[in-house]
C-alpha cells in the first residue's frame, strides 16, 4: 500500500520532533564537556536551525522512493 503524502509529511515531522528533543538533551549534556557554555534559549535556537533541514531530509527522499516504487500511471 502506498503511503500518502500527508502521512509521509506526518512521519517526517514526528521524526524531526523526536530528534529535536534528543538533540537538545544531548547538547545540554555534551556542550559543557567541550567548554561550550550556552543558555537553554541558545540550545533551543541551535536545535531549531536544524529542524528545517531535518524535515526536508526526511520528507523529500521518502517522496522520491515512493515515486520510484509507485510510478504515476
N, C-alpha and C. Protein backbone atom coordinates (compact mmCIF):
# COMPACT_ATOMS: atom_id res chain seq x y z
N UNK A 1 0.85 -1.17 0.00
CA UNK A 1 0.00 0.00 0.00
C UNK A 1 0.90 1.24 0.00
N UNK A 2 0.57 2.21 -0.82
CA UNK A 2 1.34 3.44 -0.94
C UNK A 2 1.03 4.39 0.22
N UNK A 3 2.07 5.00 0.75
CA UNK A 3 1.90 5.98 1.83
C UNK A 3 1.49 7.31 1.20
N UNK A 4 0.46 7.95 1.75
CA UNK A 4 0.03 9.24 1.22
C UNK A 4 1.07 10.31 1.53
N UNK A 5 1.02 11.39 0.78
CA UNK A 5 1.94 12.50 1.03
C UNK A 5 1.73 13.08 2.42
N UNK A 6 0.48 13.15 2.85
CA UNK A 6 0.19 13.68 4.18
C UNK A 6 0.79 12.80 5.28
N UNK A 7 0.64 11.49 5.14
CA UNK A 7 1.21 10.58 6.13
C UNK A 7 2.74 10.62 6.08
N UNK A 8 3.29 10.78 4.90
CA UNK A 8 4.74 10.91 4.76
C UNK A 8 5.22 12.17 5.48
N UNK A 9 4.50 13.26 5.32
CA UNK A 9 4.85 14.51 5.99
C UNK A 9 4.71 14.34 7.50
N UNK A 10 3.64 13.69 7.96
CA UNK A 10 3.43 13.46 9.38
C UNK A 10 4.56 12.61 9.97
N UNK A 11 4.97 11.59 9.24
CA UNK A 11 6.07 10.74 9.70
C UNK A 11 7.36 11.56 9.81
N UNK A 12 7.64 12.39 8.81
CA UNK A 12 8.85 13.21 8.83
C UNK A 12 8.82 14.20 9.99
N UNK A 13 7.67 14.82 10.22
CA UNK A 13 7.54 15.79 11.32
C UNK A 13 7.76 15.08 12.67
N UNK A 14 7.15 13.92 12.84
CA UNK A 14 7.32 13.17 14.08
C UNK A 14 8.79 12.82 14.29
N UNK A 15 9.45 12.38 13.23
CA UNK A 15 10.87 12.06 13.30
C UNK A 15 11.69 13.28 13.72
N UNK A 16 11.37 14.43 13.15
CA UNK A 16 12.11 15.65 13.46
C UNK A 16 11.88 16.08 14.91
N UNK A 17 10.65 15.98 15.38
CA UNK A 17 10.34 16.39 16.76
C UNK A 17 11.10 15.51 17.76
N UNK A 18 11.08 14.21 17.55
CA UNK A 18 11.80 13.30 18.44
C UNK A 18 13.30 13.60 18.39
N UNK A 19 13.84 13.79 17.20
CA UNK A 19 15.26 14.10 17.06
C UNK A 19 15.59 15.44 17.71
N UNK A 20 14.71 16.42 17.61
CA UNK A 20 14.93 17.74 18.20
C UNK A 20 15.04 17.65 19.72
N UNK A 21 14.13 16.92 20.33
CA UNK A 21 14.16 16.76 21.78
C UNK A 21 15.44 16.06 22.22
N UNK A 22 15.82 15.01 21.50
CA UNK A 22 17.06 14.30 21.83
C UNK A 22 18.28 15.19 21.60
N UNK A 23 18.27 16.00 20.56
CA UNK A 23 19.39 16.89 20.27
C UNK A 23 19.57 17.92 21.39
N UNK A 24 18.47 18.49 21.85
CA UNK A 24 18.55 19.48 22.94
C UNK A 24 19.13 18.82 24.19
N UNK A 25 18.63 17.65 24.53
CA UNK A 25 19.13 16.94 25.70
C UNK A 25 20.62 16.62 25.55
N UNK A 26 21.02 16.20 24.37
CA UNK A 26 22.43 15.90 24.12
C UNK A 26 23.29 17.14 24.22
N UNK A 27 22.84 18.25 23.65
CA UNK A 27 23.60 19.50 23.72
C UNK A 27 23.79 19.93 25.18
N UNK A 28 22.74 19.84 25.98
CA UNK A 28 22.81 20.27 27.37
C UNK A 28 23.87 19.46 28.12
N UNK A 29 24.00 18.18 27.78
CA UNK A 29 24.97 17.32 28.46
C UNK A 29 26.37 17.46 27.86
N UNK A 30 26.47 17.45 26.53
CA UNK A 30 27.77 17.35 25.86
C UNK A 30 28.49 18.70 25.73
N UNK A 31 27.79 19.77 25.46
CA UNK A 31 28.46 21.06 25.27
C UNK A 31 29.41 21.41 26.41
N UNK A 32 29.00 21.27 27.67
CA UNK A 32 29.92 21.61 28.76
C UNK A 32 31.22 20.77 28.76
N UNK A 33 31.17 19.55 28.26
CA UNK A 33 32.37 18.72 28.17
C UNK A 33 33.44 19.38 27.29
N UNK A 34 32.99 20.18 26.33
CA UNK A 34 33.90 20.84 25.40
C UNK A 34 34.08 22.32 25.73
N UNK A 35 33.62 22.72 26.89
CA UNK A 35 33.78 24.09 27.32
C UNK A 35 32.85 25.07 26.62
N UNK A 36 31.80 24.56 26.02
CA UNK A 36 30.82 25.41 25.35
C UNK A 36 29.71 25.70 26.33
N UNK A 37 29.63 26.94 26.76
CA UNK A 37 28.62 27.33 27.73
C UNK A 37 27.55 28.16 27.02
N UNK A 38 26.34 27.66 26.99
CA UNK A 38 25.22 28.39 26.39
C UNK A 38 24.02 28.25 27.30
N UNK A 39 23.09 29.16 27.13
CA UNK A 39 21.85 29.09 27.87
C UNK A 39 20.86 28.18 27.18
N UNK A 40 19.79 27.88 27.88
CA UNK A 40 18.79 26.98 27.31
C UNK A 40 18.16 27.56 26.04
N UNK A 41 17.99 28.88 26.02
CA UNK A 41 17.43 29.53 24.82
C UNK A 41 18.33 29.31 23.61
N UNK A 42 19.64 29.39 23.83
CA UNK A 42 20.58 29.14 22.73
C UNK A 42 20.51 27.69 22.27
N UNK A 43 20.35 26.77 23.21
CA UNK A 43 20.20 25.36 22.83
C UNK A 43 18.97 25.18 21.94
N UNK A 44 17.87 25.81 22.33
CA UNK A 44 16.65 25.71 21.53
C UNK A 44 16.85 26.31 20.14
N UNK A 45 17.55 27.43 20.08
CA UNK A 45 17.78 28.10 18.79
C UNK A 45 18.69 27.27 17.89
N UNK A 46 19.75 26.73 18.46
CA UNK A 46 20.65 25.88 17.68
C UNK A 46 19.87 24.68 17.13
N UNK A 47 19.04 24.08 17.96
CA UNK A 47 18.23 22.94 17.51
C UNK A 47 17.27 23.33 16.41
N UNK A 48 16.65 24.50 16.54
CA UNK A 48 15.69 24.94 15.51
C UNK A 48 16.36 25.18 14.17
N UNK A 49 17.64 25.57 14.20
CA UNK A 49 18.36 25.80 12.95
C UNK A 49 18.42 24.55 12.09
N UNK A 50 18.37 23.39 12.74
CA UNK A 50 18.45 22.13 12.02
C UNK A 50 17.10 21.47 11.75
N UNK A 51 16.04 22.00 12.31
CA UNK A 51 14.71 21.39 12.13
C UNK A 51 14.30 21.39 10.66
N UNK A 52 14.44 22.52 10.01
CA UNK A 52 14.06 22.61 8.59
C UNK A 52 14.84 21.65 7.73
N UNK A 53 16.14 21.57 7.98
CA UNK A 53 16.99 20.65 7.21
C UNK A 53 16.55 19.21 7.46
N UNK A 54 16.28 18.87 8.69
CA UNK A 54 15.85 17.51 9.02
C UNK A 54 14.51 17.17 8.38
N UNK A 55 13.62 18.13 8.36
CA UNK A 55 12.31 17.90 7.74
C UNK A 55 12.46 17.62 6.26
N UNK A 56 13.24 18.43 5.58
CA UNK A 56 13.49 18.22 4.14
C UNK A 56 14.18 16.88 3.92
N UNK A 57 15.17 16.60 4.75
CA UNK A 57 15.91 15.34 4.65
C UNK A 57 15.00 14.13 4.83
N UNK A 58 14.00 14.25 5.67
CA UNK A 58 13.10 13.13 5.90
C UNK A 58 11.98 13.01 4.88
N UNK A 59 11.47 14.15 4.41
CA UNK A 59 10.29 14.15 3.56
C UNK A 59 10.61 13.88 2.08
N UNK A 60 11.53 14.62 1.52
CA UNK A 60 11.76 14.53 0.09
C UNK A 60 12.37 13.20 -0.37
N UNK A 61 13.32 12.64 0.35
CA UNK A 61 13.78 11.30 -0.07
C UNK A 61 12.66 10.26 -0.01
N UNK A 62 11.80 10.39 1.00
CA UNK A 62 10.67 9.47 1.10
C UNK A 62 9.79 9.58 -0.15
N UNK A 63 9.52 10.80 -0.57
CA UNK A 63 8.70 11.01 -1.75
C UNK A 63 9.39 10.47 -3.01
N UNK A 64 10.69 10.64 -3.08
CA UNK A 64 11.45 10.12 -4.21
C UNK A 64 11.35 8.60 -4.27
N UNK A 65 11.54 7.94 -3.14
CA UNK A 65 11.45 6.48 -3.13
C UNK A 65 10.03 6.00 -3.40
N UNK A 66 9.05 6.72 -2.92
CA UNK A 66 7.66 6.36 -3.22
C UNK A 66 7.38 6.50 -4.72
N UNK A 67 7.93 7.55 -5.33
CA UNK A 67 7.73 7.76 -6.77
C UNK A 67 8.38 6.64 -7.58
N UNK A 68 9.53 6.17 -7.13
CA UNK A 68 10.21 5.08 -7.83
C UNK A 68 9.45 3.78 -7.63
N UNK A 69 8.96 3.58 -6.42
CA UNK A 69 8.23 2.35 -6.11
C UNK A 69 6.87 2.29 -6.79
N UNK A 70 6.18 3.42 -6.83
CA UNK A 70 4.85 3.50 -7.43
C UNK A 70 4.84 4.62 -8.47
N UNK A 71 5.38 4.37 -9.66
CA UNK A 71 5.38 5.45 -10.67
C UNK A 71 3.97 5.84 -11.08
N UNK A 72 3.82 7.09 -11.45
CA UNK A 72 2.49 7.57 -11.89
C UNK A 72 2.11 6.87 -13.18
N UNK A 73 0.85 6.52 -13.24
CA UNK A 73 0.37 5.78 -14.42
C UNK A 73 -0.28 6.69 -15.42
